[in-house]
Structure formats: C-alpha cells, structure tokens
Protein backbone atom coordinates (compact mmCIF):
# COMPACT_ATOMS: atom_id res chain seq x y z
CA MET A 1 -10.67 82.73 58.41
CA ASP A 2 -8.09 85.41 57.79
CA ASN A 3 -8.64 89.14 58.16
CA HIS A 4 -8.57 89.64 54.40
CA SER A 5 -11.36 87.19 53.58
CA HIS A 6 -13.68 90.03 52.58
CA HIS A 7 -11.19 91.00 49.83
CA LYS A 8 -11.14 87.55 48.33
CA HIS A 9 -14.95 87.51 48.25
CA SER A 10 -15.43 91.05 46.96
CA GLY A 11 -17.12 89.72 43.81
CA ALA A 12 -19.64 87.77 45.87
CA LEU A 13 -20.28 90.80 48.08
CA LYS A 14 -21.09 92.93 45.04
CA ILE A 15 -23.51 90.30 43.74
CA LEU A 16 -25.15 89.93 47.17
CA ARG A 17 -25.61 93.68 47.51
CA THR A 18 -27.31 93.72 44.12
CA ALA A 19 -29.54 90.83 45.21
CA ARG A 20 -30.41 92.64 48.45
CA GLY A 21 -31.55 95.66 46.43
CA GLN A 22 -33.66 93.44 44.21
CA ILE A 23 -35.21 91.74 47.25
CA ASP A 24 -36.19 95.14 48.64
CA GLY A 25 -37.82 95.86 45.27
CA ILE A 26 -39.67 92.54 45.33
CA ILE A 27 -41.00 93.23 48.83
CA LYS A 28 -42.32 96.58 47.57
CA MET A 29 -43.89 94.85 44.55
CA ILE A 30 -45.70 92.40 46.83
CA GLU A 31 -46.86 95.18 49.15
CA GLU A 32 -48.21 97.03 46.10
CA GLU A 33 -49.93 93.82 44.92
CA ARG A 34 -48.17 93.86 41.58
CA TYR A 35 -48.73 91.22 38.91
CA CYS A 36 -47.64 87.77 40.13
CA ILE A 37 -45.66 86.94 36.99
CA ASP A 38 -43.63 90.14 37.36
CA ILE A 39 -42.90 89.24 41.00
CA SER A 40 -41.94 85.70 40.01
CA THR A 41 -39.61 87.00 37.29
CA GLN A 42 -37.82 89.19 39.84
CA LEU A 43 -37.60 86.30 42.32
CA LEU A 44 -36.00 84.11 39.66
CA ALA A 45 -33.50 86.88 38.92
CA VAL A 46 -32.53 87.01 42.61
CA ILE A 47 -32.20 83.22 42.75
CA SER A 48 -29.88 83.42 39.76
CA LEU A 49 -27.78 86.08 41.50
CA LEU A 50 -27.56 83.99 44.68
CA LYS A 51 -26.40 80.97 42.68
CA LYS A 52 -23.78 83.15 40.99
CA ALA A 53 -22.59 84.45 44.38
CA ASN A 54 -22.34 80.88 45.66
CA THR A 55 -20.35 79.81 42.61
CA THR A 56 -17.99 82.74 43.14
CA VAL A 57 -17.40 81.78 46.78
CA VAL A 58 -16.93 78.09 45.97
CA ASN A 59 -14.51 78.82 43.13
CA LYS A 60 -12.43 81.00 45.42
CA HIS A 61 -12.43 78.22 48.03
CA VAL A 62 -11.29 75.67 45.45
CA GLU A 63 -8.44 77.95 44.36
CA THR A 64 -7.40 78.40 48.00
CA CYS A 65 -7.58 74.65 48.68
CA ILE A 66 -5.41 73.86 45.68
CA ARG A 67 -2.80 76.40 46.79
CA GLU A 68 -2.85 75.06 50.36
CA ALA A 69 -2.54 71.47 49.11
CA ILE A 70 0.47 72.36 47.01
CA ASP A 71 2.10 74.36 49.80
CA SER A 72 1.44 71.80 52.55
CA GLY A 73 1.75 68.63 50.52
CA ASN A 74 -1.48 67.48 52.16
CA VAL A 75 -3.31 66.73 48.92
CA ASP A 76 -5.48 63.85 50.20
CA GLU A 77 -7.00 65.96 52.98
CA LYS A 78 -7.80 68.81 50.58
CA ILE A 79 -9.34 66.41 48.06
CA GLY A 80 -11.54 65.07 50.86
CA GLU A 81 -12.64 68.61 51.75
CA LEU A 82 -13.49 69.34 48.11
CA GLU A 83 -15.43 66.08 47.75
CA THR A 84 -17.48 66.94 50.84
CA LEU A 85 -18.15 70.41 49.44
CA MET A 86 -19.25 69.00 46.08
CA LYS A 87 -21.67 66.56 47.75
CA TYR A 88 -23.22 69.44 49.67
CA ILE A 89 -23.57 71.51 46.50
CA GLU A 90 -25.16 68.59 44.64
CA LYS A 91 -27.77 68.20 47.41
CA SER A 92 -28.64 71.89 47.23
CA LEU A 93 -29.34 71.90 43.47
C-alpha cells in the first residue's frame, strides 16, 4: 500500500466518519431506551453508509487494477484478482 492511499480513499473516510457519528448516536439511543423502530431505522442508515463506503473502496480498487493491468500488460492476473474480489463481495451480500 502506498503512502497516499488515504487520499485515494478520502470519500470512504468521510462516509465512515459520518457512520461513526451515527453509531455513537445509536448507542445513546439504546442507553436511553428509545423506541426500537427508531433505533432500527438508524441502524439501517448506518448499514447503508457502510455499504456505500465499501462500494467506494472497491470502485477505487477496480480503477487501480485496470490502470496497473494496462501499464504492466498483466491483464490475466488482474482479472483473476477482480474475480476473487467479486466472489467475496457476492458472499457478503
């Protein structure tokens, strides 16, 4: 991983920071014994943010892989990496 990896994932970091704030709010809601449906709604919002962050990271990885494949000429290896990644994502859905 290069030293500038945090720059290429700045969008994901922003989303994750938002999610972290929402999680803190959910913990407070639970501690205050708030209405379950309200808690669930907030949990679903965080899940949605986490999925969005994951999509952002994966998309950036795909872009990087495509560039590396073009630069190195090692297309088969990069396609294999992407196929492995896609299988993992499918299992997590």
